[in-house]
Amino acid sequence: MFEVGFSEMLVIAFVALVVLGPEKLPKAARFAGLWMRRARAQWYSVKAELEREIAAEQLKSEFKGGFAELKKDVTGAGEQPRAERDADAHEPQAPAEMVAKDDHFAP
């Protein structure tokens, strides 16, 4: 955001000392520090919440993509045996007795 160097901090401290006086300066510094800690904690909280939501959205999109791929695979696997059954149904089948005689090669 903005850079504050050592010389700027000294100027701010000197102005605060002149304006507030030596009696109120420690109390004002503690108060300012408290608000800085609260602001920083709030910022980290918002940042963490946004990161969690982004991670949840990424996980959700990966899950949906994986689910769609799995569904496609399952649907494709169900169609393949059905196509094989249909092809087998159209082929003529030999009677069981003829197959048995051919297997034994009986005279």
C-alpha atoms as a PDB file:
ATOM      1  CA  MET A   1       0.000   0.000   0.000  1.00  0.00           C
ATOM      2  CA  PHE A   2       2.188   2.832   1.210  1.00  0.00           C
ATOM      3  CA  GLU A   3       5.709   2.800   2.593  1.00  0.00           C
ATOM      4  CA  VAL A   4       6.543   4.413   5.920  1.00  0.00           C
ATOM      5  CA  GLY A   5      10.260   4.691   6.626  1.00  0.00           C
ATOM      6  CA  PHE A   6      12.081   5.334   9.866  1.00  0.00           C
ATOM      7  CA  SER A   7      12.299   9.080   9.325  1.00  0.00           C
ATOM      8  CA  GLU A   8       8.539   9.342   8.710  1.00  0.00           C
ATOM      9  CA  MET A   9       7.878   7.342  11.878  1.00  0.00           C
ATOM     10  CA  LEU A  10      10.050   9.750  13.869  1.00  0.00           C
ATOM     11  CA  VAL A  11       8.134  12.740  12.492  1.00  0.00           C
ATOM     12  CA  ILE A  12       4.785  11.094  13.364  1.00  0.00           C
ATOM     13  CA  ALA A  13       6.021  10.264  16.891  1.00  0.00           C
ATOM     14  CA  PHE A  14       7.280  13.835  17.423  1.00  0.00           C
ATOM     15  CA  VAL A  15       3.972  15.349  16.206  1.00  0.00           C
ATOM     16  CA  ALA A  16       2.022  12.930  18.430  1.00  0.00           C
ATOM     17  CA  LEU A  17       4.187  13.890  21.410  1.00  0.00           C
ATOM     18  CA  VAL A  18       3.600  17.605  20.797  1.00  0.00           C
ATOM     19  CA  VAL A  19      -0.153  17.248  20.154  1.00  0.00           C
ATOM     20  CA  LEU A  20      -1.044  14.692  22.859  1.00  0.00           C
ATOM     21  CA  GLY A  21       1.587  15.440  25.441  1.00  0.00           C
ATOM     22  CA  PRO A  22       3.698  13.031  27.455  1.00  0.00           C
ATOM     23  CA  GLU A  23       0.786  11.984  29.733  1.00  0.00           C
ATOM     24  CA  LYS A  24      -1.645  10.846  26.998  1.00  0.00           C
ATOM     25  CA  LEU A  25       0.880   9.506  24.463  1.00  0.00           C
ATOM     26  CA  PRO A  26       1.376   5.999  26.017  1.00  0.00           C
ATOM     27  CA  LYS A  27      -2.377   5.474  26.320  1.00  0.00           C
ATOM     28  CA  ALA A  28      -2.929   6.650  22.729  1.00  0.00           C
ATOM     29  CA  ALA A  29      -0.133   4.362  21.489  1.00  0.00           C
ATOM     30  CA  ARG A  30      -1.703   1.347  23.230  1.00  0.00           C
ATOM     31  CA  PHE A  31      -5.096   2.267  21.772  1.00  0.00           C
ATOM     32  CA  ALA A  32      -3.641   2.612  18.264  1.00  0.00           C
ATOM     33  CA  GLY A  33      -1.813  -0.700  18.641  1.00  0.00           C
ATOM     34  CA  LEU A  34      -5.014  -2.411  19.763  1.00  0.00           C
ATOM     35  CA  TRP A  35      -6.905  -1.161  16.712  1.00  0.00           C
ATOM     36  CA  MET A  36      -4.045  -2.147  14.407  1.00  0.00           C
ATOM     37  CA  ARG A  37      -4.090  -5.699  15.839  1.00  0.00           C
ATOM     38  CA  ARG A  38      -7.866  -5.903  15.453  1.00  0.00           C
ATOM     39  CA  ALA A  39      -7.709  -4.640  11.862  1.00  0.00           C
ATOM     40  CA  ARG A  40      -4.938  -7.106  11.012  1.00  0.00           C
ATOM     41  CA  ALA A  41      -6.838 -10.000  12.630  1.00  0.00           C
ATOM     42  CA  GLN A  42      -9.990  -9.070  10.716  1.00  0.00           C
ATOM     43  CA  TRP A  43      -8.026  -8.889   7.450  1.00  0.00           C
ATOM     44  CA  TYR A  44      -6.514 -12.348   8.028  1.00  0.00           C
ATOM     45  CA  SER A  45      -9.939 -13.726   8.889  1.00  0.00           C
ATOM     46  CA  VAL A  46     -11.468 -12.411   5.658  1.00  0.00           C
ATOM     47  CA  LYS A  47      -8.478 -13.655   3.664  1.00  0.00           C
ATOM     48  CA  ALA A  48      -8.727 -17.153   5.183  1.00  0.00           C
ATOM     49  CA  GLU A  49     -12.479 -17.296   4.517  1.00  0.00           C
ATOM     50  CA  LEU A  50     -11.971 -16.340   0.870  1.00  0.00           C
ATOM     51  CA  GLU A  51      -9.248 -18.964   0.472  1.00  0.00           C
ATOM     52  CA  ARG A  52     -11.541 -21.630   1.984  1.00  0.00           C
ATOM     53  CA  GLU A  53     -14.364 -20.684  -0.366  1.00  0.00           C
ATOM     54  CA  ILE A  54     -12.063 -20.743  -3.396  1.00  0.00           C
ATOM     55  CA  ALA A  55     -10.730 -24.154  -2.367  1.00  0.00           C
ATOM     56  CA  ALA A  56     -14.293 -25.431  -1.883  1.00  0.00           C
ATOM     57  CA  GLU A  57     -15.296 -24.187  -5.346  1.00  0.00           C
ATOM     58  CA  GLN A  58     -12.252 -25.848  -6.921  1.00  0.00           C
ATOM     59  CA  LEU A  59     -13.029 -29.109  -5.132  1.00  0.00           C
ATOM     60  CA  LYS A  60     -16.651 -28.884  -6.221  1.00  0.00           C
ATOM     61  CA  SER A  61     -15.706 -28.320  -9.876  1.00  0.00           C
ATOM     62  CA  GLU A  62     -13.192 -31.204  -9.759  1.00  0.00           C
ATOM     63  CA  PHE A  63     -15.859 -33.434  -8.220  1.00  0.00           C
ATOM     64  CA  LYS A  64     -18.390 -32.502 -10.890  1.00  0.00           C
ATOM     65  CA  GLY A  65     -15.847 -33.132 -13.651  1.00  0.00           C
ATOM     66  CA  GLY A  66     -14.879 -36.484 -12.164  1.00  0.00           C
ATOM     67  CA  PHE A  67     -18.512 -37.435 -11.651  1.00  0.00           C
ATOM     68  CA  ALA A  68     -19.371 -36.589 -15.263  1.00  0.00           C
ATOM     69  CA  GLU A  69     -16.423 -38.661 -16.490  1.00  0.00           C
ATOM     70  CA  LEU A  70     -17.415 -41.573 -14.240  1.00  0.00           C
ATOM     71  CA  LYS A  71     -21.002 -41.368 -15.443  1.00  0.00           C
ATOM     72  CA  LYS A  72     -19.813 -41.403 -19.058  1.00  0.00           C
ATOM     73  CA  ASP A  73     -17.615 -44.437 -18.348  1.00  0.00           C
ATOM     74  CA  VAL A  74     -20.422 -46.305 -16.594  1.00  0.00           C
ATOM     75  CA  THR A  75     -22.888 -45.485 -19.363  1.00  0.00           C
ATOM     76  CA  GLY A  76     -20.378 -46.564 -21.996  1.00  0.00           C
ATOM     77  CA  ALA A  77     -19.625 -49.792 -20.115  1.00  0.00           C
ATOM     78  CA  GLY A  78     -23.344 -50.580 -19.917  1.00  0.00           C
ATOM     79  CA  GLU A  79     -23.803 -50.008 -23.639  1.00  0.00           C
ATOM     80  CA  GLN A  80     -20.899 -52.213 -24.754  1.00  0.00           C
ATOM     81  CA  PRO A  81     -22.190 -55.536 -23.363  1.00  0.00           C
ATOM     82  CA  ARG A  82     -25.652 -54.685 -24.639  1.00  0.00           C
ATOM     83  CA  ALA A  83     -24.220 -54.238 -28.144  1.00  0.00           C
ATOM     84  CA  GLU A  84     -22.353 -57.543 -27.833  1.00  0.00           C
ATOM     85  CA  ARG A  85     -25.564 -59.300 -26.742  1.00  0.00           C
ATOM     86  CA  ASP A  86     -27.407 -57.890 -29.714  1.00  0.00           C
ATOM     87  CA  ALA A  87     -24.655 -59.089 -32.073  1.00  0.00           C
ATOM     88  CA  ASP A  88     -24.732 -62.559 -30.492  1.00  0.00           C
ATOM     89  CA  ALA A  89     -28.524 -62.708 -30.783  1.00  0.00           C
ATOM     90  CA  HIS A  90     -28.361 -62.234 -34.559  1.00  0.00           C
ATOM     91  CA  GLU A  91     -25.861 -65.095 -35.098  1.00  0.00           C
ATOM     92  CA  PRO A  92     -27.406 -68.531 -35.640  1.00  0.00           C
ATOM     93  CA  GLN A  93     -26.763 -70.926 -32.783  1.00  0.00           C
ATOM     94  CA  ALA A  94     -26.023 -74.603 -33.293  1.00  0.00           C
ATOM     95  CA  PRO A  95     -28.129 -77.119 -31.334  1.00  0.00           C
ATOM     96  CA  ALA A  96     -26.502 -78.491 -28.200  1.00  0.00           C
ATOM     97  CA  GLU A  97     -26.513 -82.123 -29.491  1.00  0.00           C
ATOM     98  CA  MET A  98     -24.543 -81.168 -32.618  1.00  0.00           C
ATOM     99  CA  VAL A  99     -21.940 -79.335 -30.609  1.00  0.00           C
ATOM    100  CA  ALA A 100     -21.533 -82.298 -28.260  1.00  0.00           C
ATOM    101  CA  LYS A 101     -21.054 -84.782 -31.167  1.00  0.00           C
ATOM    102  CA  ASP A 102     -18.465 -82.541 -32.808  1.00  0.00           C
ATOM    103  CA  ASP A 103     -16.483 -82.281 -29.597  1.00  0.00           C
ATOM    104  CA  HIS A 104     -16.089 -86.055 -29.182  1.00  0.00           C
ATOM    105  CA  PHE A 105     -15.317 -86.875 -32.819  1.00  0.00           C
ATOM    106  CA  ALA A 106     -17.282 -90.112 -32.504  1.00  0.00           C
ATOM    107  CA  PRO A 107     -17.504 -92.364 -35.636  1.00  0.00           C
END
